[in-house]
Amino acid sequence: HYLNPETHVPREITTEARPGWWECRMSIEQVNPEGPCWRHRIRLHTGKTHQIRAQMSALGAPLLGDVLYAGEPADDFGLR
């Protein structure tokens, strides 16, 4: 993915390279169901601001509680 460094939360993200945008690379190494959610083991190959949040949301798996990137509120699952 590529993140626009000029935008604020939520950052613009695309799969196409664009001039001046940050390249973001990560590997999803493990995915396990955990109750109504899924737990992922992620290895970052780059460390850009909001990278995990933006990439997981772009992949259709937003972080629980991260409503800025389309995640469900944690309270909806009885988690805190």
PDB file of N, CA and C in Angstrom:
ATOM      1  N   HIS A   1       0.825  -1.182   0.000  1.00  0.00           N
ATOM      2  CA  HIS A   1       0.000   0.000   0.000  1.00  0.00           C
ATOM      3  C   HIS A   1       0.870   1.246   0.000  1.00  0.00           C
ATOM      4  N   TYR A   2       0.222   2.368  -0.312  1.00  0.00           N
ATOM      5  CA  TYR A   2       0.884   3.673  -0.296  1.00  0.00           C
ATOM      6  C   TYR A   2      -0.001   4.641   0.466  1.00  0.00           C
ATOM      7  N   LEU A   3       0.604   5.382   1.411  1.00  0.00           N
ATOM      8  CA  LEU A   3      -0.109   6.355   2.234  1.00  0.00           C
ATOM      9  C   LEU A   3       0.251   7.770   1.813  1.00  0.00           C
ATOM     10  N   ASN A   4      -0.739   8.626   1.804  1.00  0.00           N
ATOM     11  CA  ASN A   4      -0.514  10.031   1.522  1.00  0.00           C
ATOM     12  C   ASN A   4      -0.042  10.705   2.814  1.00  0.00           C
ATOM     13  N   PRO A   5       1.213  11.184   2.862  1.00  0.00           N
ATOM     14  CA  PRO A   5       1.723  11.797   4.088  1.00  0.00           C
ATOM     15  C   PRO A   5       1.132  13.173   4.367  1.00  0.00           C
ATOM     16  N   GLU A   6       0.441  13.737   3.402  1.00  0.00           N
ATOM     17  CA  GLU A   6      -0.120  15.076   3.550  1.00  0.00           C
ATOM     18  C   GLU A   6      -1.500  15.073   4.195  1.00  0.00           C
ATOM     19  N   THR A   7      -2.166  13.924   4.232  1.00  0.00           N
ATOM     20  CA  THR A   7      -3.513  13.878   4.805  1.00  0.00           C
ATOM     21  C   THR A   7      -3.426  13.589   6.297  1.00  0.00           C
ATOM     22  N   HIS A   8      -4.502  13.894   6.975  1.00  0.00           N
ATOM     23  CA  HIS A   8      -4.604  13.620   8.402  1.00  0.00           C
ATOM     24  C   HIS A   8      -5.530  12.426   8.596  1.00  0.00           C
ATOM     25  N   VAL A   9      -5.707  12.013   9.817  1.00  0.00           N
ATOM     26  CA  VAL A   9      -6.521  10.832  10.131  1.00  0.00           C
ATOM     27  C   VAL A   9      -7.936  11.032   9.618  1.00  0.00           C
ATOM     28  N   PRO A  10      -8.490  10.081   8.903  1.00  0.00           N
ATOM     29  CA  PRO A  10      -7.819   8.889   8.387  1.00  0.00           C
ATOM     30  C   PRO A  10      -6.993   9.217   7.145  1.00  0.00           C
ATOM     31  N   ARG A  11      -5.823   8.623   7.071  1.00  0.00           N
ATOM     32  CA  ARG A  11      -4.928   8.875   5.938  1.00  0.00           C
ATOM     33  C   ARG A  11      -5.456   8.204   4.674  1.00  0.00           C
ATOM     34  N   GLU A  12      -5.253   8.892   3.538  1.00  0.00           N
ATOM     35  CA  GLU A  12      -5.593   8.296   2.240  1.00  0.00           C
ATOM     36  C   GLU A  12      -4.640   7.141   1.986  1.00  0.00           C
ATOM     37  N   ILE A  13      -5.159   6.062   1.411  1.00  0.00           N
ATOM     38  CA  ILE A  13      -4.338   4.886   1.117  1.00  0.00           C
ATOM     39  C   ILE A  13      -4.748   4.332  -0.240  1.00  0.00           C
ATOM     40  N   THR A  14      -3.768   3.786  -0.965  1.00  0.00           N
ATOM     41  CA  THR A  14      -4.031   3.182  -2.269  1.00  0.00           C
ATOM     42  C   THR A  14      -3.049   2.042  -2.498  1.00  0.00           C
ATOM     43  N   THR A  15      -3.358   1.203  -3.455  1.00  0.00           N
ATOM     44  CA  THR A  15      -2.437   0.132  -3.827  1.00  0.00           C
ATOM     45  C   THR A  15      -1.520   0.561  -4.976  1.00  0.00           C
ATOM     46  N   GLU A  16      -1.762   1.760  -5.527  1.00  0.00           N
ATOM     47  CA  GLU A  16      -0.962   2.263  -6.638  1.00  0.00           C
ATOM     48  C   GLU A  16       0.072   3.269  -6.141  1.00  0.00           C
ATOM     49  N   ALA A  17       1.308   3.122  -6.617  1.00  0.00           N
ATOM     50  CA  ALA A  17       2.364   4.073  -6.250  1.00  0.00           C
ATOM     51  C   ALA A  17       2.018   5.456  -6.779  1.00  0.00           C
ATOM     52  N   ARG A  18       2.237   6.451  -5.918  1.00  0.00           N
ATOM     53  CA  ARG A  18       2.013   7.841  -6.302  1.00  0.00           C
ATOM     54  C   ARG A  18       3.211   8.653  -5.847  1.00  0.00           C
ATOM     55  N   PRO A  19       3.615   9.648  -6.639  1.00  0.00           N
ATOM     56  CA  PRO A  19       4.775  10.457  -6.266  1.00  0.00           C
ATOM     57  C   PRO A  19       4.591  11.106  -4.887  1.00  0.00           C
ATOM     58  N   GLY A  20       5.600  10.956  -4.024  1.00  0.00           N
ATOM     59  CA  GLY A  20       5.585  11.567  -2.709  1.00  0.00           C
ATOM     60  C   GLY A  20       4.840  10.796  -1.635  1.00  0.00           C
ATOM     61  N   TRP A  21       4.141   9.727  -2.017  1.00  0.00           N
ATOM     62  CA  TRP A  21       3.406   8.938  -1.028  1.00  0.00           C
ATOM     63  C   TRP A  21       4.347   7.903  -0.420  1.00  0.00           C
ATOM     64  N   TRP A  22       4.096   7.533   0.835  1.00  0.00           N
ATOM     65  CA  TRP A  22       4.924   6.557   1.539  1.00  0.00           C
ATOM     66  C   TRP A  22       4.561   5.135   1.127  1.00  0.00           C
ATOM     67  N   GLU A  23       5.564   4.329   0.842  1.00  0.00           N
ATOM     68  CA  GLU A  23       5.322   2.902   0.631  1.00  0.00           C
ATOM     69  C   GLU A  23       5.206   2.237   1.998  1.00  0.00           C
ATOM     70  N   CYS A  24       4.187   1.408   2.167  1.00  0.00           N
ATOM     71  CA  CYS A  24       3.957   0.697   3.425  1.00  0.00           C
ATOM     72  C   CYS A  24       3.911  -0.796   3.144  1.00  0.00           C
ATOM     73  N   ARG A  25       4.787  -1.528   3.828  1.00  0.00           N
ATOM     74  CA  ARG A  25       4.819  -2.973   3.640  1.00  0.00           C
ATOM     75  C   ARG A  25       4.695  -3.671   4.991  1.00  0.00           C
ATOM     76  N   MET A  26       3.888  -4.729   5.014  1.00  0.00           N
ATOM     77  CA  MET A  26       3.747  -5.566   6.194  1.00  0.00           C
ATOM     78  C   MET A  26       3.377  -6.966   5.741  1.00  0.00           C
ATOM     79  N   SER A  27       3.588  -7.932   6.627  1.00  0.00           N
ATOM     80  CA  SER A  27       3.183  -9.313   6.371  1.00  0.00           C
ATOM     81  C   SER A  27       2.220  -9.724   7.471  1.00  0.00           C
ATOM     82  N   ILE A  28       1.159 -10.386   7.097  1.00  0.00           N
ATOM     83  CA  ILE A  28       0.253 -10.973   8.078  1.00  0.00           C
ATOM     84  C   ILE A  28       0.683 -12.419   8.216  1.00  0.00           C
ATOM     85  N   GLU A  29       1.264 -12.750   9.367  1.00  0.00           N
ATOM     86  CA  GLU A  29       1.883 -14.057   9.551  1.00  0.00           C
ATOM     87  C   GLU A  29       0.944 -15.089  10.157  1.00  0.00           C
ATOM     88  N   GLN A  30      -0.041 -14.635  10.912  1.00  0.00           N
ATOM     89  CA  GLN A  30      -0.950 -15.581  11.559  1.00  0.00           C
ATOM     90  C   GLN A  30      -2.287 -14.894  11.782  1.00  0.00           C
ATOM     91  N   VAL A  31      -3.367 -15.647  11.589  1.00  0.00           N
ATOM     92  CA  VAL A  31      -4.717 -15.148  11.823  1.00  0.00           C
ATOM     93  C   VAL A  31      -5.463 -16.214  12.611  1.00  0.00           C
ATOM     94  N   ASN A  32      -6.001 -15.822  13.769  1.00  0.00           N
ATOM     95  CA  ASN A  32      -6.730 -16.765  14.623  1.00  0.00           C
ATOM     96  C   ASN A  32      -8.061 -16.168  15.056  1.00  0.00           C
ATOM     97  N   PRO A  33      -9.140 -16.971  14.994  1.00  0.00           N
ATOM     98  CA  PRO A  33     -10.411 -16.477  15.529  1.00  0.00           C
ATOM     99  C   PRO A  33     -10.318 -16.380  17.048  1.00  0.00           C
ATOM    100  N   GLU A  34     -10.921 -15.333  17.591  1.00  0.00           N
ATOM    101  CA  GLU A  34     -10.933 -15.159  19.039  1.00  0.00           C
ATOM    102  C   GLU A  34     -12.283 -14.559  19.425  1.00  0.00           C
ATOM    103  N   GLY A  35     -13.228 -15.417  19.768  1.00  0.00           N
ATOM    104  CA  GLY A  35     -14.580 -14.952  20.049  1.00  0.00           C
ATOM    105  C   GLY A  35     -15.180 -14.364  18.792  1.00  0.00           C
ATOM    106  N   PRO A  36     -15.797 -13.180  18.907  1.00  0.00           N
ATOM    107  CA  PRO A  36     -16.413 -12.565  17.727  1.00  0.00           C
ATOM    108  C   PRO A  36     -15.402 -11.809  16.848  1.00  0.00           C
ATOM    109  N   CYS A  37     -14.134 -11.838  17.232  1.00  0.00           N
ATOM    110  CA  CYS A  37     -13.094 -11.083  16.519  1.00  0.00           C
ATOM    111  C   CYS A  37     -12.013 -12.032  15.987  1.00  0.00           C
ATOM    112  N   TRP A  38     -11.003 -11.457  15.375  1.00  0.00           N
ATOM    113  CA  TRP A  38      -9.848 -12.206  14.886  1.00  0.00           C
ATOM    114  C   TRP A  38      -8.580 -11.565  15.431  1.00  0.00           C
ATOM    115  N   ARG A  39      -7.620 -12.389  15.810  1.00  0.00           N
ATOM    116  CA  ARG A  39      -6.319 -11.893  16.260  1.00  0.00           C
ATOM    117  C   ARG A  39      -5.318 -12.141  15.135  1.00  0.00           C
ATOM    118  N   HIS A  40      -4.555 -11.104  14.789  1.00  0.00           N
ATOM    119  CA  HIS A  40      -3.570 -11.185  13.710  1.00  0.00           C
ATOM    120  C   HIS A  40      -2.168 -10.990  14.268  1.00  0.00           C
ATOM    121  N   ARG A  41      -1.225 -11.737  13.747  1.00  0.00           N
ATOM    122  CA  ARG A  41       0.194 -11.475  14.028  1.00  0.00           C
ATOM    123  C   ARG A  41       0.752 -10.814  12.777  1.00  0.00           C
ATOM    124  N   ILE A  42       1.248  -9.594  12.958  1.00  0.00           N
ATOM    125  CA  ILE A  42       1.692  -8.774  11.834  1.00  0.00           C
ATOM    126  C   ILE A  42       3.171  -8.452  11.994  1.00  0.00           C
ATOM    127  N   ARG A  43       3.901  -8.528  10.909  1.00  0.00           N
ATOM    128  CA  ARG A  43       5.306  -8.106  10.888  1.00  0.00           C
ATOM    129  C   ARG A  43       5.391  -6.879   9.991  1.00  0.00           C
ATOM    130  N   LEU A  44       5.864  -5.782  10.565  1.00  0.00           N
ATOM    131  CA  LEU A  44       6.035  -4.553   9.790  1.00  0.00           C
ATOM    132  C   LEU A  44       7.382  -4.568   9.090  1.00  0.00           C
ATOM    133  N   HIS A  45       7.374  -4.200   7.816  1.00  0.00           N
ATOM    134  CA  HIS A  45       8.608  -4.057   7.046  1.00  0.00           C
ATOM    135  C   HIS A  45       8.946  -2.574   6.864  1.00  0.00           C
ATOM    136  N   THR A  46       7.954  -1.726   7.094  1.00  0.00           N
ATOM    137  CA  THR A  46       8.146  -0.276   7.136  1.00  0.00           C
ATOM    138  C   THR A  46       7.405   0.195   8.380  1.00  0.00           C
ATOM    139  N   GLY A  47       7.657   1.379   8.824  1.00  0.00           N
ATOM    140  CA  GLY A  47       7.018   1.867  10.046  1.00  0.00           C
ATOM    141  C   GLY A  47       6.461   3.257   9.868  1.00  0.00           C
ATOM    142  N   LYS A  48       5.453   3.377   9.067  1.00  0.00           N
ATOM    143  CA  LYS A  48       4.863   4.687   8.780  1.00  0.00           C
ATOM    144  C   LYS A  48       3.728   4.990   9.759  1.00  0.00           C
ATOM    145  N   THR A  49       3.494   6.277   9.982  1.00  0.00           N
ATOM    146  CA  THR A  49       2.441   6.713  10.882  1.00  0.00           C
ATOM    147  C   THR A  49       1.079   6.226  10.395  1.00  0.00           C
ATOM    148  N   HIS A  50       0.337   5.583  11.260  1.00  0.00           N
ATOM    149  CA  HIS A  50      -1.000   5.038  10.989  1.00  0.00           C
ATOM    150  C   HIS A  50      -0.985   3.867  10.009  1.00  0.00           C
ATOM    151  N   GLN A  51       0.168   3.294   9.750  1.00  0.00           N
ATOM    152  CA  GLN A  51       0.288   2.232   8.762  1.00  0.00           C
ATOM    153  C   GLN A  51      -0.610   1.042   9.062  1.00  0.00           C
ATOM    154  N   ILE A  52      -0.520   0.484  10.258  1.00  0.00           N
ATOM    155  CA  ILE A  52      -1.302  -0.713  10.571  1.00  0.00           C
ATOM    156  C   ILE A  52      -2.790  -0.398  10.478  1.00  0.00           C
ATOM    157  N   ARG A  53      -3.181   0.718  11.050  1.00  0.00           N
ATOM    158  CA  ARG A  53      -4.590   1.109  11.030  1.00  0.00           C
ATOM    159  C   ARG A  53      -5.108   1.223   9.599  1.00  0.00           C
ATOM    160  N   ALA A  54      -4.378   1.932   8.764  1.00  0.00           N
ATOM    161  CA  ALA A  54      -4.820   2.186   7.389  1.00  0.00           C
ATOM    162  C   ALA A  54      -4.788   0.918   6.547  1.00  0.00           C
ATOM    163  N   GLN A  55      -3.715   0.137   6.659  1.00  0.00           N
ATOM    164  CA  GLN A  55      -3.612  -1.065   5.833  1.00  0.00           C
ATOM    165  C   GLN A  55      -4.648  -2.103   6.217  1.00  0.00           C
ATOM    166  N   MET A  56      -4.846  -2.333   7.492  1.00  0.00           N
ATOM    167  CA  MET A  56      -5.835  -3.338   7.899  1.00  0.00           C
ATOM    168  C   MET A  56      -7.236  -2.921   7.471  1.00  0.00           C
ATOM    169  N   SER A  57      -7.553  -1.641   7.583  1.00  0.00           N
ATOM    170  CA  SER A  57      -8.853  -1.161   7.129  1.00  0.00           C
ATOM    171  C   SER A  57      -9.002  -1.347   5.619  1.00  0.00           C
ATOM    172  N   ALA A  58      -7.947  -1.034   4.865  1.00  0.00           N
ATOM    173  CA  ALA A  58      -7.981  -1.189   3.405  1.00  0.00           C
ATOM    174  C   ALA A  58      -8.157  -2.649   3.000  1.00  0.00           C
ATOM    175  N   LEU A  59      -7.688  -3.561   3.844  1.00  0.00           N
ATOM    176  CA  LEU A  59      -7.827  -4.995   3.568  1.00  0.00           C
ATOM    177  C   LEU A  59      -9.175  -5.548   4.020  1.00  0.00           C
ATOM    178  N   GLY A  60     -10.005  -4.690   4.598  1.00  0.00           N
ATOM    179  CA  GLY A  60     -11.325  -5.130   5.051  1.00  0.00           C
ATOM    180  C   GLY A  60     -11.317  -5.724   6.446  1.00  0.00           C
ATOM    181  N   ALA A  61     -10.262  -5.477   7.210  1.00  0.00           N
ATOM    182  CA  ALA A  61     -10.135  -6.009   8.568  1.00  0.00           C
ATOM    183  C   ALA A  61      -9.707  -4.894   9.520  1.00  0.00           C
ATOM    184  N   PRO A  62     -10.565  -3.861   9.694  1.00  0.00           N
ATOM    185  CA  PRO A  62     -10.178  -2.742  10.563  1.00  0.00           C
ATOM    186  C   PRO A  62      -9.984  -3.197  12.005  1.00  0.00           C
ATOM    187  N   LEU A  63      -9.201  -2.439  12.760  1.00  0.00           N
ATOM    188  CA  LEU A  63      -8.918  -2.769  14.149  1.00  0.00           C
ATOM    189  C   LEU A  63     -10.138  -2.502  15.023  1.00  0.00           C
ATOM    190  N   LEU A  64     -10.391  -3.411  15.939  1.00  0.00           N
ATOM    191  CA  LEU A  64     -11.490  -3.255  16.871  1.00  0.00           C
ATOM    192  C   LEU A  64     -11.281  -1.983  17.685  1.00  0.00           C
ATOM    193  N   GLY A  65     -12.284  -1.150  17.742  1.00  0.00           N
ATOM    194  CA  GLY A  65     -12.221   0.094  18.495  1.00  0.00           C
ATOM    195  C   GLY A  65     -11.692   1.275  17.710  1.00  0.00           C
ATOM    196  N   ASP A  66     -11.173   1.057  16.521  1.00  0.00           N
ATOM    197  CA  ASP A  66     -10.597   2.136  15.709  1.00  0.00           C
ATOM    198  C   ASP A  66     -11.664   2.685  14.758  1.00  0.00           C
ATOM    199  N   VAL A  67     -12.597   3.439  15.305  1.00  0.00           N
ATOM    200  CA  VAL A  67     -13.726   3.926  14.510  1.00  0.00           C
ATOM    201  C   VAL A  67     -13.303   4.915  13.420  1.00  0.00           C
ATOM    202  N   LEU A  68     -12.142   5.558  13.558  1.00  0.00           N
ATOM    203  CA  LEU A  68     -11.672   6.472  12.512  1.00  0.00           C
ATOM    204  C   LEU A  68     -11.296   5.741  11.233  1.00  0.00           C
ATOM    205  N   TYR A  69     -10.950   4.477  11.359  1.00  0.00           N
ATOM    206  CA  TYR A  69     -10.600   3.661  10.194  1.00  0.00           C
ATOM    207  C   TYR A  69     -11.608   2.528  10.005  1.00  0.00           C
ATOM    208  N   ALA A  70     -12.876   2.796  10.282  1.00  0.00           N
ATOM    209  CA  ALA A  70     -13.997   1.889  10.019  1.00  0.00           C
ATOM    210  C   ALA A  70     -14.092   0.700  10.964  1.00  0.00           C
ATOM    211  N   GLY A  71     -13.415   0.746  12.102  1.00  0.00           N
ATOM    212  CA  GLY A  71     -13.533  -0.329  13.078  1.00  0.00           C
ATOM    213  C   GLY A  71     -14.788  -0.184  13.920  1.00  0.00           C
ATOM    214  N   GLU A  72     -15.248  -1.277  14.472  1.00  0.00           N
ATOM    215  CA  GLU A  72     -16.405  -1.275  15.368  1.00  0.00           C
ATOM    216  C   GLU A  72     -15.966  -0.829  16.754  1.00  0.00           C
ATOM    217  N   PRO A  73     -16.808  -0.109  17.481  1.00  0.00           N
ATOM    218  CA  PRO A  73     -16.455   0.243  18.868  1.00  0.00           C
ATOM    219  C   PRO A  73     -16.253  -1.019  19.708  1.00  0.00           C
ATOM    220  N   ALA A  74     -15.229  -1.020  20.528  1.00  0.00           N
ATOM    221  CA  ALA A  74     -14.915  -2.203  21.363  1.00  0.00           C
ATOM    222  C   ALA A  74     -16.066  -2.535  22.285  1.00  0.00           C
ATOM    223  N   ASP A  75     -16.800  -1.544  22.732  1.00  0.00           N
ATOM    224  CA  ASP A  75     -17.932  -1.794  23.643  1.00  0.00           C
ATOM    225  C   ASP A  75     -19.011  -2.646  22.979  1.00  0.00           C
ATOM    226  N   ASP A  76     -19.106  -2.631  21.642  1.00  0.00           N
ATOM    227  CA  ASP A  76     -20.082  -3.451  20.937  1.00  0.00           C
ATOM    228  C   ASP A  76     -19.811  -4.937  21.142  1.00  0.00           C
ATOM    229  N   PHE A  77     -18.583  -5.281  21.533  1.00  0.00           N
ATOM    230  CA  PHE A  77     -18.193  -6.672  21.729  1.00  0.00           C
ATOM    231  C   PHE A  77     -17.984  -6.997  23.201  1.00  0.00           C
ATOM    232  N   GLY A  78     -18.288  -6.039  24.076  1.00  0.00           N
ATOM    233  CA  GLY A  78     -18.094  -6.251  25.510  1.00  0.00           C
ATOM    234  C   GLY A  78     -16.633  -6.262  25.903  1.00  0.00           C
ATOM    235  N   LEU A  79     -15.771  -5.681  25.091  1.00  0.00           N
ATOM    236  CA  LEU A  79     -14.343  -5.646  25.355  1.00  0.00           C
ATOM    237  C   LEU A  79     -13.926  -4.245  25.768  1.00  0.00           C
ATOM    238  N   ARG A  80     -12.922  -4.154  26.604  1.00  0.00           N
ATOM    239  CA  ARG A  80     -12.378  -2.850  26.993  1.00  0.00           C
ATOM    240  C   ARG A  80     -10.889  -2.935  27.013  1.00  0.00           C
TER     241      ARG A  80
END
